[in-house]
Amino acid sequence: MHSHKPYKHRFSHPAQYDIKVINNTVVITDLDKDGTSVTNDIINVIDDIHASHTDLTQKKVIYRDSDKMFDGVAVNPKGQFDYFYPIRETDLNKALSKVNEIAAYYDC
């Protein structure tokens, strides 16, 4: 579980999440605790992961929201949140396959 330093987040209860890296994809899982959702705290979640764990500019990023649905997270060249994009899968393997198809299509 990861949380933010008090000065960084704008919510009194920041998102609680797990991360893992599978091949070249960072998978963020919302733990669906009492805090803010990953969706609503995505800017801080991405900043935290980028600063603490890995260079997100060189990875694909997906997240599973509190509804157990995987979607994609685009990260800009500075490693900051840019936008969400639809994957709309509940199965991790299908989500990973889709994000790889999307990356191959857009050559990223």
C-alpha atoms as a PDB file:
ATOM      1  CA  MET A   1       0.000   0.000   0.000  1.00  0.00           C
ATOM      2  CA  HIS A   2       1.262   3.439  -0.865  1.00  0.00           C
ATOM      3  CA  SER A   3       0.225   6.807   0.418  1.00  0.00           C
ATOM      4  CA  HIS A   4       1.306  10.354  -0.173  1.00  0.00           C
ATOM      5  CA  LYS A   5       3.203  12.822   1.934  1.00  0.00           C
ATOM      6  CA  PRO A   6       0.734  15.236   3.568  1.00  0.00           C
ATOM      7  CA  TYR A   7       1.859  18.235   1.522  1.00  0.00           C
ATOM      8  CA  LYS A   8       1.431  16.462  -1.828  1.00  0.00           C
ATOM      9  CA  HIS A   9      -2.166  15.363  -1.889  1.00  0.00           C
ATOM     10  CA  ARG A  10      -5.263  17.466  -2.009  1.00  0.00           C
ATOM     11  CA  PHE A  11      -7.464  14.964  -0.217  1.00  0.00           C
ATOM     12  CA  SER A  12      -7.555  14.308   3.517  1.00  0.00           C
ATOM     13  CA  HIS A  13      -7.637  10.556   2.754  1.00  0.00           C
ATOM     14  CA  PRO A  14      -5.411   9.823  -0.270  1.00  0.00           C
ATOM     15  CA  ALA A  15      -5.910   6.793  -2.474  1.00  0.00           C
ATOM     16  CA  GLN A  16      -4.660   3.475  -1.181  1.00  0.00           C
ATOM     17  CA  TYR A  17      -3.335   1.169  -3.854  1.00  0.00           C
ATOM     18  CA  ASP A  18      -0.942  -1.610  -4.745  1.00  0.00           C
ATOM     19  CA  ILE A  19       1.363  -1.618  -7.718  1.00  0.00           C
ATOM     20  CA  LYS A  20       3.189  -4.328  -9.590  1.00  0.00           C
ATOM     21  CA  VAL A  21       5.152  -4.356 -12.787  1.00  0.00           C
ATOM     22  CA  ILE A  22       4.354  -7.077 -15.296  1.00  0.00           C
ATOM     23  CA  ASN A  23       6.792  -7.048 -18.197  1.00  0.00           C
ATOM     24  CA  ASN A  24       6.724  -3.401 -19.283  1.00  0.00           C
ATOM     25  CA  THR A  25       3.360  -2.510 -17.723  1.00  0.00           C
ATOM     26  CA  VAL A  26       2.747  -0.920 -14.327  1.00  0.00           C
ATOM     27  CA  VAL A  27      -0.482  -2.271 -12.847  1.00  0.00           C
ATOM     28  CA  ILE A  28      -2.120  -0.072 -10.210  1.00  0.00           C
ATOM     29  CA  THR A  29      -4.876  -1.655  -8.131  1.00  0.00           C
ATOM     30  CA  ASP A  30      -7.257   0.494  -6.109  1.00  0.00           C
ATOM     31  CA  LEU A  31      -7.565  -1.160  -2.682  1.00  0.00           C
ATOM     32  CA  ASP A  32     -11.040   0.344  -2.330  1.00  0.00           C
ATOM     33  CA  LYS A  33     -10.476   1.464   1.245  1.00  0.00           C
ATOM     34  CA  ASP A  34     -12.045   4.462   2.960  1.00  0.00           C
ATOM     35  CA  GLY A  35      -9.749   6.913   1.173  1.00  0.00           C
ATOM     36  CA  THR A  36     -10.133   8.675  -2.131  1.00  0.00           C
ATOM     37  CA  SER A  37     -10.349   6.424  -5.191  1.00  0.00           C
ATOM     38  CA  VAL A  38      -7.362   6.008  -7.479  1.00  0.00           C
ATOM     39  CA  THR A  39      -9.490   7.530 -10.248  1.00  0.00           C
ATOM     40  CA  ASN A  40     -10.042  10.725  -8.271  1.00  0.00           C
ATOM     41  CA  ASP A  41      -6.476  10.877  -6.917  1.00  0.00           C
ATOM     42  CA  ILE A  42      -4.717   9.771 -10.112  1.00  0.00           C
ATOM     43  CA  ILE A  43      -2.460  12.828 -10.369  1.00  0.00           C
ATOM     44  CA  ASN A  44      -0.983  12.132  -6.934  1.00  0.00           C
ATOM     45  CA  VAL A  45      -0.866   8.365  -7.491  1.00  0.00           C
ATOM     46  CA  ILE A  46       1.139   8.770 -10.713  1.00  0.00           C
ATOM     47  CA  ASP A  47       3.417  11.397  -9.140  1.00  0.00           C
ATOM     48  CA  ASP A  48       4.052   9.104  -6.164  1.00  0.00           C
ATOM     49  CA  ILE A  49       4.819   6.045  -8.290  1.00  0.00           C
ATOM     50  CA  HIS A  50       6.991   8.003 -10.706  1.00  0.00           C
ATOM     51  CA  ALA A  51       8.987   9.580  -7.874  1.00  0.00           C
ATOM     52  CA  SER A  52       9.314   6.427  -5.781  1.00  0.00           C
ATOM     53  CA  HIS A  53       9.372   3.392  -7.987  1.00  0.00           C
ATOM     54  CA  THR A  54       9.960   3.596 -11.679  1.00  0.00           C
ATOM     55  CA  ASP A  55      10.307   5.827 -14.696  1.00  0.00           C
ATOM     56  CA  LEU A  56       6.742   5.719 -15.965  1.00  0.00           C
ATOM     57  CA  THR A  57       7.692   7.388 -19.228  1.00  0.00           C
ATOM     58  CA  GLN A  58       9.208   4.072 -20.326  1.00  0.00           C
ATOM     59  CA  LYS A  59       6.255   1.895 -19.240  1.00  0.00           C
ATOM     60  CA  LYS A  60       2.628   1.316 -20.055  1.00  0.00           C
ATOM     61  CA  VAL A  61       0.298   2.023 -17.108  1.00  0.00           C
ATOM     62  CA  ILE A  62      -3.062   0.455 -16.346  1.00  0.00           C
ATOM     63  CA  TYR A  63      -5.189   0.614 -13.238  1.00  0.00           C
ATOM     64  CA  ARG A  64      -8.043  -1.347 -11.723  1.00  0.00           C
ATOM     65  CA  ASP A  65     -10.635   0.943 -10.238  1.00  0.00           C
ATOM     66  CA  SER A  66     -12.938   0.343  -7.299  1.00  0.00           C
ATOM     67  CA  ASP A  67     -15.464  -1.239  -9.723  1.00  0.00           C
ATOM     68  CA  LYS A  68     -12.775  -3.849 -10.598  1.00  0.00           C
ATOM     69  CA  MET A  69     -12.434  -2.534 -14.163  1.00  0.00           C
ATOM     70  CA  PHE A  70      -9.038  -2.024 -15.806  1.00  0.00           C
ATOM     71  CA  ASP A  71      -8.373   1.079 -17.894  1.00  0.00           C
ATOM     72  CA  GLY A  72      -5.274   2.767 -19.235  1.00  0.00           C
ATOM     73  CA  VAL A  73      -3.412   5.778 -17.928  1.00  0.00           C
ATOM     74  CA  ALA A  74      -1.387   7.893 -20.337  1.00  0.00           C
ATOM     75  CA  VAL A  75       1.703   9.513 -18.852  1.00  0.00           C
ATOM     76  CA  ASN A  76       3.391  12.512 -20.450  1.00  0.00           C
ATOM     77  CA  PRO A  77       7.167  12.767 -21.135  1.00  0.00           C
ATOM     78  CA  LYS A  78       7.687  14.300 -17.675  1.00  0.00           C
ATOM     79  CA  GLY A  79       6.150  11.235 -16.013  1.00  0.00           C
ATOM     80  CA  GLN A  80       2.937  13.027 -15.058  1.00  0.00           C
ATOM     81  CA  PHE A  81      -0.675  11.986 -15.584  1.00  0.00           C
ATOM     82  CA  ASP A  82      -1.965  12.997 -19.010  1.00  0.00           C
ATOM     83  CA  TYR A  83      -5.304  11.218 -19.553  1.00  0.00           C
ATOM     84  CA  PHE A  84      -7.282   8.003 -19.116  1.00  0.00           C
ATOM     85  CA  TYR A  85      -8.096   5.739 -22.043  1.00  0.00           C
ATOM     86  CA  PRO A  86     -10.540   2.841 -22.184  1.00  0.00           C
ATOM     87  CA  ILE A  87      -9.507  -0.769 -21.820  1.00  0.00           C
ATOM     88  CA  ARG A  88     -12.703  -1.820 -20.014  1.00  0.00           C
ATOM     89  CA  GLU A  89     -11.618  -5.294 -18.922  1.00  0.00           C
ATOM     90  CA  THR A  90     -12.098  -7.027 -15.579  1.00  0.00           C
ATOM     91  CA  ASP A  91      -9.536  -9.745 -16.320  1.00  0.00           C
ATOM     92  CA  LEU A  92      -5.889  -8.732 -15.835  1.00  0.00           C
ATOM     93  CA  ASN A  93      -4.537 -10.883 -18.674  1.00  0.00           C
ATOM     94  CA  LYS A  94      -7.089  -9.472 -21.115  1.00  0.00           C
ATOM     95  CA  ALA A  95      -6.263  -5.948 -19.933  1.00  0.00           C
ATOM     96  CA  LEU A  96      -2.539  -6.549 -20.444  1.00  0.00           C
ATOM     97  CA  SER A  97      -3.176  -7.935 -23.911  1.00  0.00           C
ATOM     98  CA  LYS A  98      -5.323  -4.932 -24.832  1.00  0.00           C
ATOM     99  CA  VAL A  99      -2.811  -2.370 -23.563  1.00  0.00           C
ATOM    100  CA  ASN A 100      -0.124  -4.076 -25.638  1.00  0.00           C
ATOM    101  CA  GLU A 101      -2.368  -3.976 -28.725  1.00  0.00           C
ATOM    102  CA  ILE A 102      -3.043  -0.275 -28.139  1.00  0.00           C
ATOM    103  CA  ALA A 103       0.664   0.453 -27.649  1.00  0.00           C
ATOM    104  CA  ALA A 104       1.567  -1.443 -30.832  1.00  0.00           C
ATOM    105  CA  TYR A 105      -1.118   0.417 -32.802  1.00  0.00           C
ATOM    106  CA  TYR A 106       0.104   3.815 -31.613  1.00  0.00           C
ATOM    107  CA  ASP A 107       3.761   2.704 -31.709  1.00  0.00           C
ATOM    108  CA  CYS A 108       4.448   3.543 -28.065  1.00  0.00           C
END
